[in-house]
Amino acid sequence: MRSQVIIVATLLLNGALFALNLDVAVMSGSRAVLAQAIYSVTDLLGAVILLWGLYASRLPADYRHPFGRGKERFYWALISIVVTFTVAGIIALTTGIDQAASPAAISHIGEALLVVGATLAVSAVSIAVTLRELRRSQQTLQSFLESRHIGLKSVFYQDVVSIIGCLVAFVALVIVYRTGQYAADGAAAIIEGVLLVITGLVLTLESRGLLIGQALDPEEARTILAVVERNPRVSKVRALQSMVLGPDDALLALRINFHDGLTTDQIEATIDEVTLALQQSHPVLRHIVIEPEA
């Protein structure tokens, strides 16, 4: 999947959305539209952070980072999540509570409804870009959501939350237009804020596991064992340890008991065979350490 395409598309779309939402929010006084503007600008900043994380993760390995910098993507994805969801959510909540407690009049409702519709359409386009990239890489949506691409998943969830927020804002503005109950506008901003904060907390917890050194999934470990024990010179795998180093990068350490009677040259050749077989079946295993055990 081309991560850069998704992030750049998000960057460009949110830049246009911010200007549009902010202009109408100031003109109409709608807190629901203002919440969308806040969300758009934090999305914009979050996309810049994700793009930087993608660049930093591609820097070559060095003495201080012998396994590369793949975890840069996890770190900067966490920063992006905090900015995009937590900060935006708290600001949206604050403005919504203020409007609900002390309702202020809202004008230019027609323009506000149009900009909410435009925001929904742009968010749908962004989701379409992600789905197109998934099809291009022959991935399903389920496998993507279960993957370790935390940064790209945050972009996807941003668009989903944006669409839900647009629907809530649209309903609130219609209520204001028909009944004059300006507090409904504040309630919409509160709902948007709650959605952002909850989504941010869920993604933050997922990022934590990846940052502190998460192992490969049990199913992946089982398939790795099957590949190793398929070699006729392998007696048993005594220990398997792994650590995720990036969305497409993992470290694997194995202690293997080889059959008795093998020469040193045969053991070395078998290690090379096992390493090649693992890298072909699991491209994510970019760092493999095998320790023979008597």
C-alpha atoms as a PDB file:
ATOM      1  CA  MET A   1       0.000   0.000   0.000  1.00  0.00           C
ATOM      2  CA  ARG A   2       1.313   3.445  -0.902  1.00  0.00           C
ATOM      3  CA  SER A   3       1.189   5.196   2.468  1.00  0.00           C
ATOM      4  CA  GLN A   4       2.426   8.474   1.017  1.00  0.00           C
ATOM      5  CA  VAL A   5      -0.485   8.701  -1.448  1.00  0.00           C
ATOM      6  CA  ILE A   6      -3.070   8.391   1.348  1.00  0.00           C
ATOM      7  CA  ILE A   7      -1.314  10.894   3.623  1.00  0.00           C
ATOM      8  CA  VAL A   8      -0.755  13.507   0.877  1.00  0.00           C
ATOM      9  CA  ALA A   9      -4.385  13.177  -0.282  1.00  0.00           C
ATOM     10  CA  THR A  10      -5.496  13.774   3.310  1.00  0.00           C
ATOM     11  CA  LEU A  11      -3.184  16.773   3.555  1.00  0.00           C
ATOM     12  CA  LEU A  12      -4.575  18.457   0.443  1.00  0.00           C
ATOM     13  CA  LEU A  13      -8.235  17.705   1.160  1.00  0.00           C
ATOM     14  CA  ASN A  14      -8.077  18.923   4.767  1.00  0.00           C
ATOM     15  CA  GLY A  15      -6.331  22.130   3.711  1.00  0.00           C
ATOM     16  CA  ALA A  16      -9.313  23.002   1.510  1.00  0.00           C
ATOM     17  CA  LEU A  17     -11.812  21.914   4.171  1.00  0.00           C
ATOM     18  CA  PHE A  18     -10.268  24.060   6.903  1.00  0.00           C
ATOM     19  CA  ALA A  19     -10.525  27.281   4.897  1.00  0.00           C
ATOM     20  CA  LEU A  20     -14.105  26.524   3.854  1.00  0.00           C
ATOM     21  CA  ASN A  21     -15.354  25.485   7.312  1.00  0.00           C
ATOM     22  CA  LEU A  22     -13.640  28.340   9.131  1.00  0.00           C
ATOM     23  CA  ASP A  23     -15.081  30.948   6.769  1.00  0.00           C
ATOM     24  CA  VAL A  24     -18.644  29.661   7.197  1.00  0.00           C
ATOM     25  CA  ALA A  25     -18.224  29.110  10.964  1.00  0.00           C
ATOM     26  CA  VAL A  26     -17.209  32.746  11.464  1.00  0.00           C
ATOM     27  CA  MET A  27     -19.989  33.945   9.171  1.00  0.00           C
ATOM     28  CA  SER A  28     -22.786  31.838  10.693  1.00  0.00           C
ATOM     29  CA  GLY A  29     -21.656  31.476  14.294  1.00  0.00           C
ATOM     30  CA  SER A  30     -22.366  27.720  14.204  1.00  0.00           C
ATOM     31  CA  ARG A  31     -20.350  25.768  16.785  1.00  0.00           C
ATOM     32  CA  ALA A  32     -20.988  22.515  14.903  1.00  0.00           C
ATOM     33  CA  VAL A  33     -19.336  23.968  11.795  1.00  0.00           C
ATOM     34  CA  LEU A  34     -16.587  25.455  13.968  1.00  0.00           C
ATOM     35  CA  ALA A  35     -15.952  21.959  15.374  1.00  0.00           C
ATOM     36  CA  GLN A  36     -15.540  20.725  11.788  1.00  0.00           C
ATOM     37  CA  ALA A  37     -13.081  23.557  11.098  1.00  0.00           C
ATOM     38  CA  ILE A  38     -11.057  22.692  14.218  1.00  0.00           C
ATOM     39  CA  TYR A  39     -11.072  19.043  13.223  1.00  0.00           C
ATOM     40  CA  SER A  40      -9.937  19.916   9.689  1.00  0.00           C
ATOM     41  CA  VAL A  41      -6.956  21.968  10.864  1.00  0.00           C
ATOM     42  CA  THR A  42      -5.880  19.295  13.363  1.00  0.00           C
ATOM     43  CA  ASP A  43      -6.285  16.722  10.573  1.00  0.00           C
ATOM     44  CA  LEU A  44      -4.034  18.907   8.453  1.00  0.00           C
ATOM     45  CA  LEU A  45      -1.389  19.080  11.172  1.00  0.00           C
ATOM     46  CA  GLY A  46      -1.771  15.356  11.853  1.00  0.00           C
ATOM     47  CA  ALA A  47      -1.161  14.526   8.186  1.00  0.00           C
ATOM     48  CA  VAL A  48       2.034  16.642   8.214  1.00  0.00           C
ATOM     49  CA  ILE A  49       3.210  14.742  11.317  1.00  0.00           C
ATOM     50  CA  LEU A  50       2.442  11.372   9.674  1.00  0.00           C
ATOM     51  CA  LEU A  51       4.337  12.427   6.550  1.00  0.00           C
ATOM     52  CA  TRP A  52       7.353  13.331   8.678  1.00  0.00           C
ATOM     53  CA  GLY A  53       7.128   9.967  10.466  1.00  0.00           C
ATOM     54  CA  LEU A  54       7.084   8.187   7.101  1.00  0.00           C
ATOM     55  CA  TYR A  55      10.220  10.072   6.013  1.00  0.00           C
ATOM     56  CA  ALA A  56      12.023   9.480   9.337  1.00  0.00           C
ATOM     57  CA  SER A  57      11.250   5.748   9.273  1.00  0.00           C
ATOM     58  CA  ARG A  58      13.036   5.395   5.930  1.00  0.00           C
ATOM     59  CA  LEU A  59      16.377   6.713   7.201  1.00  0.00           C
ATOM     60  CA  PRO A  60      19.059   4.009   6.985  1.00  0.00           C
ATOM     61  CA  ALA A  61      20.176   1.934   9.950  1.00  0.00           C
ATOM     62  CA  ASP A  62      23.244   3.159  11.818  1.00  0.00           C
ATOM     63  CA  TYR A  63      25.313   2.321  14.898  1.00  0.00           C
ATOM     64  CA  ARG A  64      22.722   3.731  17.318  1.00  0.00           C
ATOM     65  CA  HIS A  65      19.786   2.248  15.380  1.00  0.00           C
ATOM     66  CA  PRO A  66      21.021  -1.122  14.095  1.00  0.00           C
ATOM     67  CA  PHE A  67      17.520  -2.346  13.211  1.00  0.00           C
ATOM     68  CA  GLY A  68      16.510   0.829  11.435  1.00  0.00           C
ATOM     69  CA  ARG A  69      13.968   3.477  12.451  1.00  0.00           C
ATOM     70  CA  GLY A  70      10.683   1.733  11.671  1.00  0.00           C
ATOM     71  CA  LYS A  71       9.202   2.667  15.058  1.00  0.00           C
ATOM     72  CA  GLU A  72       9.390   6.327  14.062  1.00  0.00           C
ATOM     73  CA  ARG A  73       6.057   5.717  12.318  1.00  0.00           C
ATOM     74  CA  PHE A  74       4.485   4.447  15.542  1.00  0.00           C
ATOM     75  CA  TYR A  75       5.812   7.378  17.560  1.00  0.00           C
ATOM     76  CA  TRP A  76       4.725  10.091  15.144  1.00  0.00           C
ATOM     77  CA  ALA A  77       1.400   8.320  14.591  1.00  0.00           C
ATOM     78  CA  LEU A  78       0.815   8.601  18.356  1.00  0.00           C
ATOM     79  CA  ILE A  79       1.619  12.328  18.267  1.00  0.00           C
ATOM     80  CA  SER A  80      -0.734  12.740  15.299  1.00  0.00           C
ATOM     81  CA  ILE A  81      -3.517  10.893  17.149  1.00  0.00           C
ATOM     82  CA  VAL A  82      -3.140  13.118  20.209  1.00  0.00           C
ATOM     83  CA  VAL A  83      -3.270  16.278  18.070  1.00  0.00           C
ATOM     84  CA  THR A  84      -6.023  15.149  15.715  1.00  0.00           C
ATOM     85  CA  PHE A  85      -8.390  13.432  18.123  1.00  0.00           C
ATOM     86  CA  THR A  86      -7.657  14.481  21.697  1.00  0.00           C
ATOM     87  CA  VAL A  87      -6.901  18.178  21.192  1.00  0.00           C
ATOM     88  CA  ALA A  88      -9.616  18.640  18.569  1.00  0.00           C
ATOM     89  CA  GLY A  89     -12.091  16.670  20.667  1.00  0.00           C
ATOM     90  CA  ILE A  90     -11.504  18.740  23.804  1.00  0.00           C
ATOM     91  CA  ILE A  91     -11.834  22.030  21.884  1.00  0.00           C
ATOM     92  CA  ALA A  92     -15.019  20.824  20.176  1.00  0.00           C
ATOM     93  CA  LEU A  93     -16.437  19.731  23.550  1.00  0.00           C
ATOM     94  CA  THR A  94     -15.610  23.108  25.114  1.00  0.00           C
ATOM     95  CA  THR A  95     -17.234  25.134  22.335  1.00  0.00           C
ATOM     96  CA  GLY A  96     -20.243  22.815  22.273  1.00  0.00           C
ATOM     97  CA  ILE A  97     -20.832  23.032  26.027  1.00  0.00           C
ATOM     98  CA  ASP A  98     -20.564  26.824  25.842  1.00  0.00           C
ATOM     99  CA  GLN A  99     -23.182  26.971  23.063  1.00  0.00           C
ATOM    100  CA  ALA A 100     -25.497  24.494  24.816  1.00  0.00           C
ATOM    101  CA  ALA A 101     -25.282  26.381  28.125  1.00  0.00           C
ATOM    102  CA  SER A 102     -25.636  29.871  26.625  1.00  0.00           C
ATOM    103  CA  PRO A 103     -27.127  29.495  23.132  1.00  0.00           C
ATOM    104  CA  ALA A 104     -26.120  32.193  20.677  1.00  0.00           C
ATOM    105  CA  ALA A 105     -28.046  32.969  17.496  1.00  0.00           C
ATOM    106  CA  ILE A 106     -26.931  31.328  14.267  1.00  0.00           C
ATOM    107  CA  SER A 107     -27.262  32.889  10.822  1.00  0.00           C
ATOM    108  CA  HIS A 108     -26.526  31.812   7.240  1.00  0.00           C
ATOM    109  CA  ILE A 109     -27.819  28.315   7.937  1.00  0.00           C
ATOM    110  CA  GLY A 110     -28.065  27.580   4.213  1.00  0.00           C
ATOM    111  CA  GLU A 111     -24.347  28.209   3.744  1.00  0.00           C
ATOM    112  CA  ALA A 112     -23.581  26.162   6.867  1.00  0.00           C
ATOM    113  CA  LEU A 113     -25.563  23.215   5.493  1.00  0.00           C
ATOM    114  CA  LEU A 114     -23.722  23.487   2.168  1.00  0.00           C
ATOM    115  CA  VAL A 115     -20.286  23.458   3.792  1.00  0.00           C
ATOM    116  CA  VAL A 116     -21.248  20.487   5.976  1.00  0.00           C
ATOM    117  CA  GLY A 117     -22.336  18.652   2.821  1.00  0.00           C
ATOM    118  CA  ALA A 118     -19.075  19.567   1.108  1.00  0.00           C
ATOM    119  CA  THR A 119     -17.087  18.301   4.111  1.00  0.00           C
ATOM    120  CA  LEU A 120     -18.980  15.009   4.016  1.00  0.00           C
ATOM    121  CA  ALA A 121     -18.266  14.642   0.285  1.00  0.00           C
ATOM    122  CA  VAL A 122     -14.546  15.347   0.724  1.00  0.00           C
ATOM    123  CA  SER A 123     -14.299  12.853   3.598  1.00  0.00           C
ATOM    124  CA  ALA A 124     -15.994  10.256   1.388  1.00  0.00           C
ATOM    125  CA  VAL A 125     -13.425  10.971  -1.352  1.00  0.00           C
ATOM    126  CA  SER A 126     -10.605  10.466   1.156  1.00  0.00           C
ATOM    127  CA  ILE A 127     -12.072   7.099   2.187  1.00  0.00           C
ATOM    128  CA  ALA A 128     -12.367   6.178  -1.502  1.00  0.00           C
ATOM    129  CA  VAL A 129      -8.637   6.915  -1.944  1.00  0.00           C
ATOM    130  CA  THR A 130      -7.801   4.581   0.957  1.00  0.00           C
ATOM    131  CA  LEU A 131     -10.053   1.818  -0.414  1.00  0.00           C
ATOM    132  CA  ARG A 132      -8.492   2.200  -3.859  1.00  0.00           C
ATOM    133  CA  GLU A 133      -5.023   1.763  -2.368  1.00  0.00           C
ATOM    134  CA  LEU A 134      -6.238  -1.316  -0.508  1.00  0.00           C
ATOM    135  CA  ARG A 135      -7.522  -2.856  -3.747  1.00  0.00           C
ATOM    136  CA  ARG A 136      -4.267  -1.963  -5.477  1.00  0.00           C
ATOM    137  CA  SER A 137      -2.278  -3.806  -2.802  1.00  0.00           C
ATOM    138  CA  GLN A 138      -4.819  -6.685  -2.780  1.00  0.00           C
ATOM    139  CA  GLN A 139      -5.787  -6.088   0.842  1.00  0.00           C
ATOM    140  CA  THR A 140      -9.221  -6.295   2.409  1.00  0.00           C
ATOM    141  CA  LEU A 141     -10.628  -3.614   4.701  1.00  0.00           C
ATOM    142  CA  GLN A 142     -10.661  -6.109   7.582  1.00  0.00           C
ATOM    143  CA  SER A 143      -6.985  -7.007   7.147  1.00  0.00           C
ATOM    144  CA  PHE A 144      -6.138  -3.307   6.979  1.00  0.00           C
ATOM    145  CA  LEU A 145      -7.980  -2.530  10.219  1.00  0.00           C
ATOM    146  CA  GLU A 146      -6.229  -5.492  11.900  1.00  0.00           C
ATOM    147  CA  SER A 147      -2.817  -4.440  10.566  1.00  0.00           C
ATOM    148  CA  ARG A 148      -0.048  -2.488  12.300  1.00  0.00           C
ATOM    149  CA  HIS A 149      -0.451   0.549  10.002  1.00  0.00           C
ATOM    150  CA  ILE A 150      -1.577   2.678  12.929  1.00  0.00           C
ATOM    151  CA  GLY A 151      -0.936   5.979  11.108  1.00  0.00           C
ATOM    152  CA  LEU A 152      -2.983   5.031   8.052  1.00  0.00           C
ATOM    153  CA  LYS A 153      -5.733   3.612  10.251  1.00  0.00           C
ATOM    154  CA  SER A 154      -5.901   6.921  12.107  1.00  0.00           C
ATOM    155  CA  VAL A 155      -6.394   8.684   8.752  1.00  0.00           C
ATOM    156  CA  PHE A 156      -9.209   6.267   7.892  1.00  0.00           C
ATOM    157  CA  TYR A 157     -10.892   6.750  11.280  1.00  0.00           C
ATOM    158  CA  GLN A 158     -10.539  10.518  10.907  1.00  0.00           C
ATOM    159  CA  ASP A 159     -12.633  10.349   7.765  1.00  0.00           C
ATOM    160  CA  VAL A 160     -15.211   8.005   9.334  1.00  0.00           C
ATOM    161  CA  VAL A 161     -15.583  10.283  12.371  1.00  0.00           C
ATOM    162  CA  SER A 162     -15.774  13.300  10.051  1.00  0.00           C
ATOM    163  CA  ILE A 163     -18.656  11.741   8.120  1.00  0.00           C
ATOM    164  CA  ILE A 164     -20.535  10.913  11.341  1.00  0.00           C
ATOM    165  CA  GLY A 165     -19.841  14.440  12.611  1.00  0.00           C
ATOM    166  CA  CYS A 166     -21.175  15.928   9.370  1.00  0.00           C
ATOM    167  CA  LEU A 167     -24.402  13.950   9.665  1.00  0.00           C
ATOM    168  CA  VAL A 168     -24.830  15.078  13.290  1.00  0.00           C
ATOM    169  CA  ALA A 169     -24.095  18.709  12.346  1.00  0.00           C
ATOM    170  CA  PHE A 170     -26.520  18.530   9.400  1.00  0.00           C
ATOM    171  CA  VAL A 171     -29.347  17.272  11.639  1.00  0.00           C
ATOM    172  CA  ALA A 172     -28.569  19.921  14.270  1.00  0.00           C
ATOM    173  CA  LEU A 173     -28.622  22.742  11.727  1.00  0.00           C
ATOM    174  CA  VAL A 174     -31.943  21.520  10.332  1.00  0.00           C
ATOM    175  CA  ILE A 175     -33.358  21.503  13.886  1.00  0.00           C
ATOM    176  CA  VAL A 176     -32.089  25.047  14.423  1.00  0.00           C
ATOM    177  CA  TYR A 177     -33.640  26.175  11.133  1.00  0.00           C
ATOM    178  CA  ARG A 178     -37.034  24.608  11.846  1.00  0.00           C
ATOM    179  CA  THR A 179     -37.363  25.247  15.601  1.00  0.00           C
ATOM    180  CA  GLY A 180     -34.910  28.020  16.469  1.00  0.00           C
ATOM    181  CA  GLN A 181     -33.399  25.846  19.228  1.00  0.00           C
ATOM    182  CA  TYR A 182     -29.804  27.077  19.034  1.00  0.00           C
ATOM    183  CA  ALA A 183     -28.734  24.683  21.802  1.00  0.00           C
ATOM    184  CA  ALA A 184     -28.990  21.844  19.249  1.00  0.00           C
ATOM    185  CA  ASP A 185     -25.955  23.318  17.501  1.00  0.00           C
ATOM    186  CA  GLY A 186     -23.969  23.058  20.734  1.00  0.00           C
ATOM    187  CA  ALA A 187     -25.195  19.487  21.286  1.00  0.00           C
ATOM    188  CA  ALA A 188     -23.850  18.555  17.836  1.00  0.00           C
ATOM    189  CA  ALA A 189     -20.425  19.960  18.694  1.00  0.00           C
ATOM    190  CA  ILE A 190     -20.465  18.017  21.980  1.00  0.00           C
ATOM    191  CA  ILE A 191     -21.266  14.751  20.154  1.00  0.00           C
ATOM    192  CA  GLU A 192     -18.448  15.418  17.669  1.00  0.00           C
ATOM    193  CA  GLY A 193     -16.048  16.115  20.523  1.00  0.00           C
ATOM    194  CA  VAL A 194     -16.988  12.902  22.362  1.00  0.00           C
ATOM    195  CA  LEU A 195     -16.535  10.851  19.175  1.00  0.00           C
ATOM    196  CA  LEU A 196     -13.071  12.345  18.627  1.00  0.00           C
ATOM    197  CA  VAL A 197     -11.899  11.761  22.200  1.00  0.00           C
ATOM    198  CA  ILE A 198     -13.127   8.146  22.317  1.00  0.00           C
ATOM    199  CA  THR A 199     -11.554   7.311  18.944  1.00  0.00           C
ATOM    200  CA  GLY A 200      -8.294   8.940  20.049  1.00  0.00           C
ATOM    201  CA  LEU A 201      -8.199   6.871  23.248  1.00  0.00           C
ATOM    202  CA  VAL A 202      -8.724   3.607  21.345  1.00  0.00           C
ATOM    203  CA  LEU A 203      -5.954   4.410  18.840  1.00  0.00           C
ATOM    204  CA  THR A 204      -3.630   5.612  21.615  1.00  0.00           C
ATOM    205  CA  LEU A 205      -3.935   2.272  23.427  1.00  0.00           C
ATOM    206  CA  GLU A 206      -3.133   0.429  20.195  1.00  0.00           C
ATOM    207  CA  SER A 207      -0.100   2.673  19.601  1.00  0.00           C
ATOM    208  CA  ARG A 208       1.183   2.006  23.123  1.00  0.00           C
ATOM    209  CA  GLY A 209       1.493  -1.736  22.487  1.00  0.00           C
ATOM    210  CA  LEU A 210       3.467  -1.164  19.294  1.00  0.00           C
ATOM    211  CA  LEU A 211       5.790   1.406  20.868  1.00  0.00           C
ATOM    212  CA  ILE A 212       6.803  -0.662  23.900  1.00  0.00           C
ATOM    213  CA  GLY A 213       7.704  -3.727  21.847  1.00  0.00           C
ATOM    214  CA  GLN A 214       4.782  -5.847  20.707  1.00  0.00           C
ATOM    215  CA  ALA A 215       5.361  -9.391  19.452  1.00  0.00           C
ATOM    216  CA  LEU A 216       4.008 -10.789  16.205  1.00  0.00           C
ATOM    217  CA  ASP A 217       0.464 -12.154  16.332  1.00  0.00           C
ATOM    218  CA  PRO A 218       0.114 -15.782  17.548  1.00  0.00           C
ATOM    219  CA  GLU A 219      -1.183 -16.840  14.131  1.00  0.00           C
ATOM    220  CA  GLU A 220       1.936 -15.400  12.475  1.00  0.00           C
ATOM    221  CA  ALA A 221       4.123 -17.175  15.039  1.00  0.00           C
ATOM    222  CA  ARG A 222       2.430 -20.505  14.258  1.00  0.00           C
ATOM    223  CA  THR A 223       3.002 -20.146  10.523  1.00  0.00           C
ATOM    224  CA  ILE A 224       6.651 -19.214  11.177  1.00  0.00           C
ATOM    225  CA  LEU A 225       7.096 -22.364  13.273  1.00  0.00           C
ATOM    226  CA  ALA A 226       5.548 -24.446  10.491  1.00  0.00           C
ATOM    227  CA  VAL A 227       8.015 -23.042   7.937  1.00  0.00           C
ATOM    228  CA  VAL A 228      11.033 -23.665  10.198  1.00  0.00           C
ATOM    229  CA  GLU A 229      10.077 -27.205  11.228  1.00  0.00           C
ATOM    230  CA  ARG A 230       9.446 -28.106   7.604  1.00  0.00           C
ATOM    231  CA  ASN A 231      13.215 -28.215   7.098  1.00  0.00           C
ATOM    232  CA  PRO A 232      14.349 -31.885   7.375  1.00  0.00           C
ATOM    233  CA  ARG A 233      17.438 -30.992   9.434  1.00  0.00           C
ATOM    234  CA  VAL A 234      15.453 -29.157  12.112  1.00  0.00           C
ATOM    235  CA  SER A 235      14.492 -31.270  15.135  1.00  0.00           C
ATOM    236  CA  LYS A 236      12.576 -28.699  17.171  1.00  0.00           C
ATOM    237  CA  VAL A 237      12.253 -24.971  17.713  1.00  0.00           C
ATOM    238  CA  ARG A 238      13.058 -24.429  21.386  1.00  0.00           C
ATOM    239  CA  ALA A 239      12.217 -20.724  21.571  1.00  0.00           C
ATOM    240  CA  LEU A 240      10.646 -18.080  19.340  1.00  0.00           C
ATOM    241  CA  GLN A 241      10.826 -14.381  20.209  1.00  0.00           C
ATOM    242  CA  SER A 242       9.728 -11.513  18.012  1.00  0.00           C
ATOM    243  CA  MET A 243       9.272  -7.762  18.076  1.00  0.00           C
ATOM    244  CA  VAL A 244       7.432  -5.482  15.678  1.00  0.00           C
ATOM    245  CA  LEU A 245       9.798  -2.734  14.485  1.00  0.00           C
ATOM    246  CA  GLY A 246       7.466  -1.051  12.016  1.00  0.00           C
ATOM    247  CA  PRO A 247       4.238  -1.614  10.064  1.00  0.00           C
ATOM    248  CA  ASP A 248       6.155  -3.850   7.618  1.00  0.00           C
ATOM    249  CA  ASP A 249       9.232  -4.702   9.684  1.00  0.00           C
ATOM    250  CA  ALA A 250       9.828  -7.257  12.445  1.00  0.00           C
ATOM    251  CA  LEU A 251      12.706  -8.858  14.341  1.00  0.00           C
ATOM    252  CA  LEU A 252      12.687 -12.637  14.869  1.00  0.00           C
ATOM    253  CA  ALA A 253      14.987 -14.593  17.201  1.00  0.00           C
ATOM    254  CA  LEU A 254      14.947 -18.408  17.169  1.00  0.00           C
ATOM    255  CA  ARG A 255      16.674 -21.101  19.206  1.00  0.00           C
ATOM    256  CA  ILE A 256      16.664 -24.266  17.118  1.00  0.00           C
ATOM    257  CA  ASN A 257      17.617 -27.824  18.015  1.00  0.00           C
ATOM    258  CA  PHE A 258      19.048 -29.454  14.872  1.00  0.00           C
ATOM    259  CA  HIS A 259      19.269 -33.192  14.304  1.00  0.00           C
ATOM    260  CA  ASP A 260      22.311 -34.914  15.782  1.00  0.00           C
ATOM    261  CA  GLY A 261      25.309 -35.725  13.618  1.00  0.00           C
ATOM    262  CA  LEU A 262      25.276 -32.547  11.502  1.00  0.00           C
ATOM    263  CA  THR A 263      28.581 -30.859  10.755  1.00  0.00           C
ATOM    264  CA  THR A 264      29.168 -27.178  11.363  1.00  0.00           C
ATOM    265  CA  ASP A 265      28.954 -26.517   7.626  1.00  0.00           C
ATOM    266  CA  GLN A 266      25.632 -28.357   7.418  1.00  0.00           C
ATOM    267  CA  ILE A 267      24.197 -26.373  10.336  1.00  0.00           C
ATOM    268  CA  GLU A 268      25.304 -23.095   8.740  1.00  0.00           C
ATOM    269  CA  ALA A 269      23.749 -24.132   5.426  1.00  0.00           C
ATOM    270  CA  THR A 270      20.512 -25.065   7.194  1.00  0.00           C
ATOM    271  CA  ILE A 271      20.392 -21.687   8.961  1.00  0.00           C
ATOM    272  CA  ASP A 272      20.734 -19.994   5.569  1.00  0.00           C
ATOM    273  CA  GLU A 273      17.947 -22.188   4.146  1.00  0.00           C
ATOM    274  CA  VAL A 274      15.606 -21.460   7.060  1.00  0.00           C
ATOM    275  CA  THR A 275      16.333 -17.719   6.863  1.00  0.00           C
ATOM    276  CA  LEU A 276      15.606 -17.619   3.120  1.00  0.00           C
ATOM    277  CA  ALA A 277      12.410 -19.655   3.514  1.00  0.00           C
ATOM    278  CA  LEU A 278      11.165 -17.340   6.272  1.00  0.00           C
ATOM    279  CA  GLN A 279      11.904 -14.147   4.346  1.00  0.00           C
ATOM    280  CA  GLN A 280      10.119 -15.512   1.289  1.00  0.00           C
ATOM    281  CA  SER A 281       7.033 -16.615   3.232  1.00  0.00           C
ATOM    282  CA  HIS A 282       7.004 -13.641   5.632  1.00  0.00           C
ATOM    283  CA  PRO A 283       8.512 -10.517   3.972  1.00  0.00           C
ATOM    284  CA  VAL A 284       7.914  -8.598   7.215  1.00  0.00           C
ATOM    285  CA  LEU A 285      10.812 -10.552   8.801  1.00  0.00           C
ATOM    286  CA  ARG A 286      13.672  -8.260   7.823  1.00  0.00           C
ATOM    287  CA  HIS A 287      15.863  -9.204  10.799  1.00  0.00           C
ATOM    288  CA  ILE A 288      16.276 -12.876  11.664  1.00  0.00           C
ATOM    289  CA  VAL A 289      18.637 -14.257  14.335  1.00  0.00           C
ATOM    290  CA  ILE A 290      18.989 -18.047  14.658  1.00  0.00           C
ATOM    291  CA  GLU A 291      20.867 -19.660  17.530  1.00  0.00           C
ATOM    292  CA  PRO A 292      21.638 -23.399  17.300  1.00  0.00           C
ATOM    293  CA  GLU A 293      20.970 -25.360  20.482  1.00  0.00           C
ATOM    294  CA  ALA A 294      22.543 -28.673  21.373  1.00  0.00           C
END
